Each structure stands twice: as C-alpha cells, then as structure tokens.
Amino acid sequence: MDRKVILVIMDGTGYNAALSQCGYLEGAVELGQARRWKMQTALPTLSGPMYETIHTGLWPHEHGIASNEGMRASTSANVFSLARSAGKTTAAVAQEYYHRLYVDRPWDRLRSIEHHDPDTDIQHARFYSMEGYGPVNAVAPAEIDLCAQMTILAEAHQPDYLLLHTCAADTLGHTYGGTSAEYHFQVWMIDNALSRAVPTWRELGYEVMVTADHGMNADKHHGGTEDIMRDVAFYYFGDAEGPDGDTVLSQLGIAATILERMGVEPDTGMRPSFLKG
C-alpha cells in the first residue's frame, strides 16, 4: 500500500528540548497516538549537510556537502528525485537552502518563493529566505503560518511527499543559546502549531514524521560531536511497526523510511528503513 508522508524538520531542536517543551507531541506519545525514539545525527551537525543526509541516507563525507558554505545542488539520489522518478508528487515549505539542493533553477529572491514546476525534484513549494536574521531581528515566519502553507499545498496538489522545515528554533538558539528561555519558548511554539496542523494532515491521509536536523548547545553553537548537538527526537504518527522504544535510531534511515512508506524503492546506497509493515 502506497502512503503519503509529511516530514517536519524542527531545525536546531535537540532531544531534551523536544521532550521538555513539546507537550502536544509528548501527549500523543503518552496516549499511543504517536511513537517517539531518540535519534542520533550524522556529523558534522550543521544544517545544510544534515538536510542532504536526511534526504539521501548518506553521511556528508559521502554526499559531499560537509558545510553550510559548501551548499550546492544535490548530486545524489534523494527522496525528492526518486519520488519524482517513480511518478510521485513532491512539495515543500522550507528555507532557501532546499531550493539550492533540489530545484534545478537559479534562485530569484523576488520570484522563487512561490514555486510550481513539474520538471524539478521539488515540484510545488513555498520557500522563505530569512535574509539578514540575527539578534536584532529573527526574520522568522510564524509557525502556524508555515503549517497553513503546508495545508494549502496538501489540499491543492495532494503531494505524496511534503516537507515542512522551520528555522526559528535554530535562529533563537544561535541568538540566546540552547538552554535559554527564548529558545525553549520557540520550540514550544512549533509544538503549539503542530497541535492544530497534525490532526488536519492526518485527516488528509498523511503519515506524519517530526524530527530535527541537529540540536543546539548553551554556547549558541552546533557543528561538533556533543550529545546536545547530535541527539534529536523522532516522532511518528502512522500505522507502521517500529523498533523497541529504547532503540536509538540513525538519522541516515529517514530517507529509506520515507520512500518505502510511499512505495518507492530506496537507492542502493541508502541506509535501511526503520519502519516496517
């Protein structure tokens, strides 16, 4: 059975921050509506490399994007390209880096935020730049607005794979630190928006996965090997069977997991799926 999948990436949200601040997600776990595992990321724990790792099932050392400064178009088989090749529809609400990775078109700051092109690996999208973010202005879209854009894309195009990537927790973490009240409040804001969106997405026929690319330390930093940088949560709303709850999942298994849920064969280089049935 082919299923439709939504993946939510809460950029910069570490494992402990998710468990302590995401009351909706944790409540769903307690009630048996969702499952949650600890997940370990690849290295280095940087955003661009992790976006590609999540979608290719490869380490940065393998797919070749090992720094944010080294961002370029993806040259590896990935969730978007394999889904499109299999006749599936893809969509995203995501930061500009995803345009660089998976849209084979120049980025136009005045036009590319609204994207519809069946000949690109991300076929439908609402991109945002966050140009100029920093301590003076977070330049972050409201979490509920991002969820609203997701819902519009889901209803208008019925994509088989739909990505939501929210950057605000990462931005607040870089500004105030990963143990700050500001960072924790933003993580909760994501959870609060998801509390209204996830039930709607489930009614639209989607399995929903929620995770993060990396965490954030108290020094307003990530990129290294600390547990607070590498440990993230992985939540799953769906009917598949997964490993025991105390199993630590690998971030590299996300790509194959998404593809198999959609009925698409993963690439031979991808690490194996962790959901079955």
C-alpha atoms as a PDB file:
ATOM      1  CA  MET A   1       0.000   0.000   0.000  1.00  0.00           C
ATOM      2  CA  ASP A   2       1.433   3.392  -1.044  1.00  0.00           C
ATOM      3  CA  ARG A   3       1.130   6.079   1.605  1.00  0.00           C
ATOM      4  CA  LYS A   4       1.531   9.839   1.630  1.00  0.00           C
ATOM      5  CA  VAL A   5       4.138  11.227   4.030  1.00  0.00           C
ATOM      6  CA  ILE A   6       4.768  14.565   5.722  1.00  0.00           C
ATOM      7  CA  LEU A   7       8.171  15.170   7.306  1.00  0.00           C
ATOM      8  CA  VAL A   8       8.570  18.084   9.745  1.00  0.00           C
ATOM      9  CA  ILE A   9      12.129  19.237  10.479  1.00  0.00           C
ATOM     10  CA  MET A  10      12.309  21.430  13.586  1.00  0.00           C
ATOM     11  CA  ASP A  11      15.672  22.979  12.803  1.00  0.00           C
ATOM     12  CA  GLY A  12      18.017  23.107  15.794  1.00  0.00           C
ATOM     13  CA  THR A  13      15.669  21.321  18.216  1.00  0.00           C
ATOM     14  CA  GLY A  14      17.614  18.917  20.408  1.00  0.00           C
ATOM     15  CA  TYR A  15      16.234  15.794  22.077  1.00  0.00           C
ATOM     16  CA  ASN A  16      15.873  17.217  25.587  1.00  0.00           C
ATOM     17  CA  ALA A  17      14.318  20.430  24.279  1.00  0.00           C
ATOM     18  CA  ALA A  18      11.692  18.444  22.362  1.00  0.00           C
ATOM     19  CA  LEU A  19      10.816  16.227  25.314  1.00  0.00           C
ATOM     20  CA  SER A  20      10.594  19.125  27.768  1.00  0.00           C
ATOM     21  CA  GLN A  21       8.792  21.656  25.549  1.00  0.00           C
ATOM     22  CA  CYS A  22       6.682  19.693  23.033  1.00  0.00           C
ATOM     23  CA  GLY A  23       3.632  18.965  25.157  1.00  0.00           C
ATOM     24  CA  TYR A  24       1.411  18.100  22.187  1.00  0.00           C
ATOM     25  CA  LEU A  25       3.874  15.638  20.664  1.00  0.00           C
ATOM     26  CA  GLU A  26       4.672  14.060  24.019  1.00  0.00           C
ATOM     27  CA  GLY A  27       0.965  13.860  24.879  1.00  0.00           C
ATOM     28  CA  ALA A  28       0.353  11.994  21.618  1.00  0.00           C
ATOM     29  CA  VAL A  29       3.083   9.539  22.631  1.00  0.00           C
ATOM     30  CA  GLU A  30       1.576   9.004  26.099  1.00  0.00           C
ATOM     31  CA  LEU A  31      -1.845   8.338  24.559  1.00  0.00           C
ATOM     32  CA  GLY A  32      -0.477   5.925  21.965  1.00  0.00           C
ATOM     33  CA  GLN A  33      -1.362   8.214  19.043  1.00  0.00           C
ATOM     34  CA  ALA A  34       2.317   8.506  18.089  1.00  0.00           C
ATOM     35  CA  ARG A  35       5.650   6.865  18.835  1.00  0.00           C
ATOM     36  CA  ARG A  36       8.899   8.596  19.723  1.00  0.00           C
ATOM     37  CA  TRP A  37      12.513   7.461  19.595  1.00  0.00           C
ATOM     38  CA  LYS A  38      15.836   9.094  20.284  1.00  0.00           C
ATOM     39  CA  MET A  39      17.757   9.607  17.039  1.00  0.00           C
ATOM     40  CA  GLN A  40      21.461  10.263  16.511  1.00  0.00           C
ATOM     41  CA  THR A  41      22.504  12.570  13.689  1.00  0.00           C
ATOM     42  CA  ALA A  42      25.426  12.242  11.309  1.00  0.00           C
ATOM     43  CA  LEU A  43      28.428  14.568  11.525  1.00  0.00           C
ATOM     44  CA  PRO A  44      29.159  17.445  11.244  1.00  0.00           C
ATOM     45  CA  THR A  45      25.988  18.663  12.953  1.00  0.00           C
ATOM     46  CA  LEU A  46      25.392  21.528  10.517  1.00  0.00           C
ATOM     47  CA  SER A  47      22.128  22.382   8.804  1.00  0.00           C
ATOM     48  CA  GLY A  48      22.948  22.099   5.099  1.00  0.00           C
ATOM     49  CA  PRO A  49      24.821  18.804   5.421  1.00  0.00           C
ATOM     50  CA  MET A  50      22.030  17.366   7.573  1.00  0.00           C
ATOM     51  CA  TYR A  51      19.284  18.412   5.128  1.00  0.00           C
ATOM     52  CA  GLU A  52      21.080  16.385   2.457  1.00  0.00           C
ATOM     53  CA  THR A  53      21.796  13.484   4.825  1.00  0.00           C
ATOM     54  CA  ILE A  54      18.130  13.278   5.826  1.00  0.00           C
ATOM     55  CA  HIS A  55      17.091  13.090   2.168  1.00  0.00           C
ATOM     56  CA  THR A  56      19.878  10.857   0.804  1.00  0.00           C
ATOM     57  CA  GLY A  57      20.611   8.466   3.668  1.00  0.00           C
ATOM     58  CA  LEU A  58      24.317   9.270   3.269  1.00  0.00           C
ATOM     59  CA  TRP A  59      26.940  10.812   5.531  1.00  0.00           C
ATOM     60  CA  PRO A  60      28.156  14.276   4.493  1.00  0.00           C
ATOM     61  CA  HIS A  61      31.505  12.643   3.729  1.00  0.00           C
ATOM     62  CA  GLU A  62      29.640  10.529   1.149  1.00  0.00           C
ATOM     63  CA  HIS A  63      27.247  13.024  -0.427  1.00  0.00           C
ATOM     64  CA  GLY A  64      29.897  15.738  -0.391  1.00  0.00           C
ATOM     65  CA  ILE A  65      28.127  18.625   1.364  1.00  0.00           C
ATOM     66  CA  ALA A  66      30.062  18.958   4.612  1.00  0.00           C
ATOM     67  CA  SER A  67      29.499  22.632   5.456  1.00  0.00           C
ATOM     68  CA  ASN A  68      26.885  25.337   5.002  1.00  0.00           C
ATOM     69  CA  GLU A  69      29.457  27.258   2.985  1.00  0.00           C
ATOM     70  CA  GLY A  70      29.691  24.278   0.626  1.00  0.00           C
ATOM     71  CA  MET A  71      25.998  24.244  -0.301  1.00  0.00           C
ATOM     72  CA  ARG A  72      25.254  23.275  -3.907  1.00  0.00           C
ATOM     73  CA  ALA A  73      22.725  21.280  -5.880  1.00  0.00           C
ATOM     74  CA  SER A  74      22.393  17.679  -4.726  1.00  0.00           C
ATOM     75  CA  THR A  75      24.223  15.167  -6.905  1.00  0.00           C
ATOM     76  CA  SER A  76      22.989  12.089  -5.009  1.00  0.00           C
ATOM     77  CA  ALA A  77      19.794  10.086  -5.340  1.00  0.00           C
ATOM     78  CA  ASN A  78      17.414  11.605  -2.794  1.00  0.00           C
ATOM     79  CA  VAL A  79      13.822  11.398  -1.596  1.00  0.00           C
ATOM     80  CA  PHE A  80      12.636  14.126  -3.967  1.00  0.00           C
ATOM     81  CA  SER A  81      14.383  12.808  -7.081  1.00  0.00           C
ATOM     82  CA  LEU A  82      13.436   9.173  -6.509  1.00  0.00           C
ATOM     83  CA  ALA A  83       9.832  10.055  -5.721  1.00  0.00           C
ATOM     84  CA  ARG A  84       9.522  12.142  -8.903  1.00  0.00           C
ATOM     85  CA  SER A  85      11.138   9.385 -10.989  1.00  0.00           C
ATOM     86  CA  ALA A  86       8.548   6.970  -9.591  1.00  0.00           C
ATOM     87  CA  GLY A  87       5.724   9.257 -10.726  1.00  0.00           C
ATOM     88  CA  LYS A  88       5.056  10.727  -7.288  1.00  0.00           C
ATOM     89  CA  THR A  89       4.382  14.381  -6.492  1.00  0.00           C
ATOM     90  CA  THR A  90       6.598  16.300  -4.060  1.00  0.00           C
ATOM     91  CA  ALA A  91       6.203  19.613  -2.243  1.00  0.00           C
ATOM     92  CA  ALA A  92       7.856  21.661   0.490  1.00  0.00           C
ATOM     93  CA  VAL A  93       7.545  24.654   2.772  1.00  0.00           C
ATOM     94  CA  ALA A  94      11.195  25.306   3.517  1.00  0.00           C
ATOM     95  CA  GLN A  95      14.120  27.679   3.767  1.00  0.00           C
ATOM     96  CA  GLU A  96      16.084  28.717   0.682  1.00  0.00           C
ATOM     97  CA  TYR A  97      18.769  26.017   1.146  1.00  0.00           C
ATOM     98  CA  TYR A  98      16.238  23.449  -0.088  1.00  0.00           C
ATOM     99  CA  HIS A  99      15.863  25.390  -3.322  1.00  0.00           C
ATOM    100  CA  ARG A 100      19.624  25.212  -3.793  1.00  0.00           C
ATOM    101  CA  LEU A 101      19.608  21.475  -3.139  1.00  0.00           C
ATOM    102  CA  TYR A 102      16.585  20.192  -5.032  1.00  0.00           C
ATOM    103  CA  VAL A 103      15.357  22.797  -7.539  1.00  0.00           C
ATOM    104  CA  ASP A 104      17.400  22.928 -10.729  1.00  0.00           C
ATOM    105  CA  ARG A 105      16.699  26.603 -11.307  1.00  0.00           C
ATOM    106  CA  PRO A 106      18.507  29.840 -10.297  1.00  0.00           C
ATOM    107  CA  TRP A 107      17.254  31.375  -7.040  1.00  0.00           C
ATOM    108  CA  ASP A 108      15.395  34.618  -7.745  1.00  0.00           C
ATOM    109  CA  ARG A 109      14.766  36.497  -4.484  1.00  0.00           C
ATOM    110  CA  LEU A 110      11.721  38.256  -5.908  1.00  0.00           C
ATOM    111  CA  ARG A 111      10.085  35.254  -7.574  1.00  0.00           C
ATOM    112  CA  SER A 112      11.353  31.893  -6.295  1.00  0.00           C
ATOM    113  CA  ILE A 113       9.463  31.880  -3.003  1.00  0.00           C
ATOM    114  CA  GLU A 114       6.417  30.581  -4.898  1.00  0.00           C
ATOM    115  CA  HIS A 115       7.455  27.537  -6.921  1.00  0.00           C
ATOM    116  CA  HIS A 116       5.484  25.232  -9.216  1.00  0.00           C
ATOM    117  CA  ASP A 117       7.393  23.214 -11.814  1.00  0.00           C
ATOM    118  CA  PRO A 118       6.708  19.534 -12.612  1.00  0.00           C
ATOM    119  CA  ASP A 119      10.197  19.181 -14.091  1.00  0.00           C
ATOM    120  CA  THR A 120      12.045  19.858 -10.822  1.00  0.00           C
ATOM    121  CA  ASP A 121      12.509  17.395  -7.961  1.00  0.00           C
ATOM    122  CA  ILE A 122      10.557  19.645  -5.590  1.00  0.00           C
ATOM    123  CA  GLN A 123       7.531  20.296  -7.770  1.00  0.00           C
ATOM    124  CA  HIS A 124       5.495  22.630  -5.542  1.00  0.00           C
ATOM    125  CA  ALA A 125       6.886  24.849  -2.799  1.00  0.00           C
ATOM    126  CA  ARG A 126       6.691  27.941  -0.644  1.00  0.00           C
ATOM    127  CA  PHE A 127      10.287  28.959   0.091  1.00  0.00           C
ATOM    128  CA  TYR A 128      11.500  31.649   2.515  1.00  0.00           C
ATOM    129  CA  SER A 129      14.949  33.219   2.801  1.00  0.00           C
ATOM    130  CA  MET A 130      15.284  34.583   6.364  1.00  0.00           C
ATOM    131  CA  GLU A 131      17.669  37.093   4.797  1.00  0.00           C
ATOM    132  CA  GLY A 132      19.518  39.121   7.424  1.00  0.00           C
ATOM    133  CA  TYR A 133      18.437  37.181  10.518  1.00  0.00           C
ATOM    134  CA  GLY A 134      20.305  37.857  13.746  1.00  0.00           C
ATOM    135  CA  PRO A 135      19.987  39.314  17.250  1.00  0.00           C
ATOM    136  CA  VAL A 136      18.223  42.448  16.019  1.00  0.00           C
ATOM    137  CA  ASN A 137      15.504  40.574  14.086  1.00  0.00           C
ATOM    138  CA  ALA A 138      14.862  36.827  13.920  1.00  0.00           C
ATOM    139  CA  VAL A 139      13.193  37.221  10.478  1.00  0.00           C
ATOM    140  CA  ALA A 140      11.193  34.071  11.245  1.00  0.00           C
ATOM    141  CA  PRO A 141       7.794  33.186   9.778  1.00  0.00           C
ATOM    142  CA  ALA A 142       5.098  32.349  12.335  1.00  0.00           C
ATOM    143  CA  GLU A 143       4.948  28.591  12.923  1.00  0.00           C
ATOM    144  CA  ILE A 144       1.201  28.465  12.325  1.00  0.00           C
ATOM    145  CA  ASP A 145       1.667  30.339   9.024  1.00  0.00           C
ATOM    146  CA  LEU A 146       4.119  27.677   7.861  1.00  0.00           C
ATOM    147  CA  CYS A 147       1.622  24.980   8.830  1.00  0.00           C
ATOM    148  CA  ALA A 148      -1.080  26.867   6.939  1.00  0.00           C
ATOM    149  CA  GLN A 149       1.070  26.945   3.803  1.00  0.00           C
ATOM    150  CA  MET A 150       1.618  23.205   4.191  1.00  0.00           C
ATOM    151  CA  THR A 151      -2.103  22.623   4.378  1.00  0.00           C
ATOM    152  CA  ILE A 152      -2.723  24.747   1.279  1.00  0.00           C
ATOM    153  CA  LEU A 153      -0.157  22.718  -0.696  1.00  0.00           C
ATOM    154  CA  ALA A 154      -1.566  19.436   0.607  1.00  0.00           C
ATOM    155  CA  GLU A 155      -5.113  20.320  -0.401  1.00  0.00           C
ATOM    156  CA  ALA A 156      -4.218  21.922  -3.742  1.00  0.00           C
ATOM    157  CA  HIS A 157      -1.719  19.371  -5.065  1.00  0.00           C
ATOM    158  CA  GLN A 158      -2.095  16.187  -2.939  1.00  0.00           C
ATOM    159  CA  PRO A 159       1.682  15.616  -2.914  1.00  0.00           C
ATOM    160  CA  ASP A 160       2.888  12.156  -1.972  1.00  0.00           C
ATOM    161  CA  TYR A 161       5.804  13.671  -0.049  1.00  0.00           C
ATOM    162  CA  LEU A 162       5.506  17.035   1.690  1.00  0.00           C
ATOM    163  CA  LEU A 163       8.296  18.624   3.737  1.00  0.00           C
ATOM    164  CA  LEU A 164       7.935  21.298   6.416  1.00  0.00           C
ATOM    165  CA  HIS A 165      11.203  22.887   7.505  1.00  0.00           C
ATOM    166  CA  THR A 166      11.014  25.521  10.250  1.00  0.00           C
ATOM    167  CA  CYS A 167      14.147  27.512  11.184  1.00  0.00           C
ATOM    168  CA  ALA A 168      13.027  29.677  14.093  1.00  0.00           C
ATOM    169  CA  ALA A 169      14.232  27.494  16.982  1.00  0.00           C
ATOM    170  CA  ASP A 170      17.667  27.344  15.386  1.00  0.00           C
ATOM    171  CA  THR A 171      17.658  31.131  14.974  1.00  0.00           C
ATOM    172  CA  LEU A 172      16.714  31.740  18.613  1.00  0.00           C
ATOM    173  CA  GLY A 173      19.272  29.157  19.716  1.00  0.00           C
ATOM    174  CA  HIS A 174      22.036  30.974  17.852  1.00  0.00           C
ATOM    175  CA  THR A 175      20.910  34.253  19.381  1.00  0.00           C
ATOM    176  CA  TYR A 176      20.285  33.224  23.000  1.00  0.00           C
ATOM    177  CA  GLY A 177      21.709  29.709  23.399  1.00  0.00           C
ATOM    178  CA  GLY A 178      20.238  26.222  23.510  1.00  0.00           C
ATOM    179  CA  THR A 179      19.361  26.382  27.206  1.00  0.00           C
ATOM    180  CA  SER A 180      17.679  29.799  27.055  1.00  0.00           C
ATOM    181  CA  ALA A 181      14.060  30.663  27.741  1.00  0.00           C
ATOM    182  CA  GLU A 182      13.765  32.218  24.275  1.00  0.00           C
ATOM    183  CA  TYR A 183      14.929  29.025  22.557  1.00  0.00           C
ATOM    184  CA  HIS A 184      12.663  26.802  24.656  1.00  0.00           C
ATOM    185  CA  PHE A 185       9.664  29.040  24.021  1.00  0.00           C
ATOM    186  CA  GLN A 186      10.209  28.846  20.258  1.00  0.00           C
ATOM    187  CA  VAL A 187      10.371  25.046  20.394  1.00  0.00           C
ATOM    188  CA  TRP A 188       7.036  25.146  22.206  1.00  0.00           C
ATOM    189  CA  MET A 189       5.648  27.476  19.518  1.00  0.00           C
ATOM    190  CA  ILE A 190       6.394  24.816  16.885  1.00  0.00           C
ATOM    191  CA  ASP A 191       4.646  22.193  19.004  1.00  0.00           C
ATOM    192  CA  ASN A 192       1.683  24.514  19.535  1.00  0.00           C
ATOM    193  CA  ALA A 193       1.279  24.999  15.775  1.00  0.00           C
ATOM    194  CA  LEU A 194       1.600  21.261  15.144  1.00  0.00           C
ATOM    195  CA  SER A 195      -1.165  20.616  17.682  1.00  0.00           C
ATOM    196  CA  ARG A 196      -3.556  22.262  15.227  1.00  0.00           C
ATOM    197  CA  ALA A 197      -1.978  21.032  11.990  1.00  0.00           C
ATOM    198  CA  VAL A 198      -1.184  17.352  12.591  1.00  0.00           C
ATOM    199  CA  PRO A 199      -4.824  16.268  13.097  1.00  0.00           C
ATOM    200  CA  THR A 200      -5.761  18.023   9.841  1.00  0.00           C
ATOM    201  CA  TRP A 201      -2.877  16.421   7.953  1.00  0.00           C
ATOM    202  CA  ARG A 202      -3.832  13.015   9.308  1.00  0.00           C
ATOM    203  CA  GLU A 203      -7.405  13.577   8.104  1.00  0.00           C
ATOM    204  CA  LEU A 204      -5.971  14.388   4.663  1.00  0.00           C
ATOM    205  CA  GLY A 205      -4.405  10.925   4.611  1.00  0.00           C
ATOM    206  CA  TYR A 206      -0.802  11.653   5.626  1.00  0.00           C
ATOM    207  CA  GLU A 207       1.524   9.788   7.906  1.00  0.00           C
ATOM    208  CA  VAL A 208       3.469  12.424   9.845  1.00  0.00           C
ATOM    209  CA  MET A 209       7.094  12.274  10.970  1.00  0.00           C
ATOM    210  CA  VAL A 210       8.628  15.001  13.137  1.00  0.00           C
ATOM    211  CA  THR A 211      12.342  15.324  13.850  1.00  0.00           C
ATOM    212  CA  ALA A 212      15.272  17.783  13.773  1.00  0.00           C
ATOM    213  CA  ASP A 213      18.458  18.173  11.796  1.00  0.00           C
ATOM    214  CA  HIS A 214      20.588  18.762  14.926  1.00  0.00           C
ATOM    215  CA  GLY A 215      20.466  20.263  18.414  1.00  0.00           C
ATOM    216  CA  MET A 216      21.967  23.408  19.950  1.00  0.00           C
ATOM    217  CA  ASN A 217      24.357  23.911  22.872  1.00  0.00           C
ATOM    218  CA  ALA A 218      24.440  26.646  25.511  1.00  0.00           C
ATOM    219  CA  ASP A 219      27.228  28.404  23.605  1.00  0.00           C
ATOM    220  CA  LYS A 220      24.760  29.201  20.764  1.00  0.00           C
ATOM    221  CA  HIS A 221      26.516  26.677  18.575  1.00  0.00           C
ATOM    222  CA  HIS A 222      26.305  23.320  16.811  1.00  0.00           C
ATOM    223  CA  GLY A 223      28.520  21.514  14.327  1.00  0.00           C
ATOM    224  CA  GLY A 224      30.507  19.300  16.678  1.00  0.00           C
ATOM    225  CA  THR A 225      30.041  15.987  18.432  1.00  0.00           C
ATOM    226  CA  GLU A 226      28.369  16.845  21.754  1.00  0.00           C
ATOM    227  CA  ASP A 227      25.274  14.814  22.639  1.00  0.00           C
ATOM    228  CA  ILE A 228      23.264  18.042  22.870  1.00  0.00           C
ATOM    229  CA  MET A 229      24.134  18.622  19.196  1.00  0.00           C
ATOM    230  CA  ARG A 230      23.677  15.034  17.943  1.00  0.00           C
ATOM    231  CA  ASP A 231      20.663  13.758  19.898  1.00  0.00           C
ATOM    232  CA  VAL A 232      17.265  14.623  18.406  1.00  0.00           C
ATOM    233  CA  ALA A 233      13.770  13.166  18.718  1.00  0.00           C
ATOM    234  CA  PHE A 234      11.889  11.298  16.005  1.00  0.00           C
ATOM    235  CA  TYR A 235       8.079  11.211  16.300  1.00  0.00           C
ATOM    236  CA  TYR A 236       5.877   9.062  14.081  1.00  0.00           C
ATOM    237  CA  PHE A 237       2.124   9.278  13.517  1.00  0.00           C
ATOM    238  CA  GLY A 238       1.159   6.246  11.436  1.00  0.00           C
ATOM    239  CA  ASP A 239       0.435   2.538  11.344  1.00  0.00           C
ATOM    240  CA  ALA A 240       3.860   1.020  10.674  1.00  0.00           C
ATOM    241  CA  GLU A 241       5.736  -1.143  13.141  1.00  0.00           C
ATOM    242  CA  GLY A 242       8.971   0.223  14.553  1.00  0.00           C
ATOM    243  CA  PRO A 243      11.787  -0.965  16.805  1.00  0.00           C
ATOM    244  CA  ASP A 244      11.629  -1.050  20.597  1.00  0.00           C
ATOM    245  CA  GLY A 245      11.178   2.346  22.206  1.00  0.00           C
ATOM    246  CA  ASP A 246      14.655   2.345  23.738  1.00  0.00           C
ATOM    247  CA  THR A 247      16.315   1.832  20.335  1.00  0.00           C
ATOM    248  CA  VAL A 248      18.426   4.788  19.202  1.00  0.00           C
ATOM    249  CA  LEU A 249      17.631   5.380  15.539  1.00  0.00           C
ATOM    250  CA  SER A 250      20.089   6.636  12.938  1.00  0.00           C
ATOM    251  CA  GLN A 251      19.235   9.817  11.069  1.00  0.00           C
ATOM    252  CA  LEU A 252      20.532   8.102   7.951  1.00  0.00           C
ATOM    253  CA  GLY A 253      17.490   5.795   7.940  1.00  0.00           C
ATOM    254  CA  ILE A 254      14.957   8.589   7.357  1.00  0.00           C
ATOM    255  CA  ALA A 255      15.302   8.678   3.546  1.00  0.00           C
ATOM    256  CA  ALA A 256      14.661   4.971   3.006  1.00  0.00           C
ATOM    257  CA  THR A 257      11.864   5.034   5.577  1.00  0.00           C
ATOM    258  CA  ILE A 258      10.006   7.831   3.748  1.00  0.00           C
ATOM    259  CA  LEU A 259      10.468   6.186   0.352  1.00  0.00           C
ATOM    260  CA  GLU A 260       9.314   2.763   1.485  1.00  0.00           C
ATOM    261  CA  ARG A 261       6.218   4.243   3.114  1.00  0.00           C
ATOM    262  CA  MET A 262       5.394   5.784  -0.277  1.00  0.00           C
ATOM    263  CA  GLY A 263       6.027   2.526  -2.114  1.00  0.00           C
ATOM    264  CA  VAL A 264       9.214   3.796  -3.768  1.00  0.00           C
ATOM    265  CA  GLU A 265      12.392   1.700  -3.899  1.00  0.00           C
ATOM    266  CA  PRO A 266      15.248   3.360  -1.957  1.00  0.00           C
ATOM    267  CA  ASP A 267      18.596   3.858  -3.634  1.00  0.00           C
ATOM    268  CA  THR A 268      21.120   1.087  -3.021  1.00  0.00           C
ATOM    269  CA  GLY A 269      23.431   3.426  -1.112  1.00  0.00           C
ATOM    270  CA  MET A 270      20.786   4.480   1.425  1.00  0.00           C
ATOM    271  CA  ARG A 271      20.836   3.093   4.964  1.00  0.00           C
ATOM    272  CA  PRO A 272      17.847   0.826   5.688  1.00  0.00           C
ATOM    273  CA  SER A 273      14.389   1.910   6.806  1.00  0.00           C
ATOM    274  CA  PHE A 274      13.470   1.591  10.476  1.00  0.00           C
ATOM    275  CA  LEU A 275       9.672   1.244   9.950  1.00  0.00           C
ATOM    276  CA  LYS A 276       8.005  -1.883   8.592  1.00  0.00           C
ATOM    277  CA  GLY A 277       4.515  -3.019   7.637  1.00  0.00           C
END
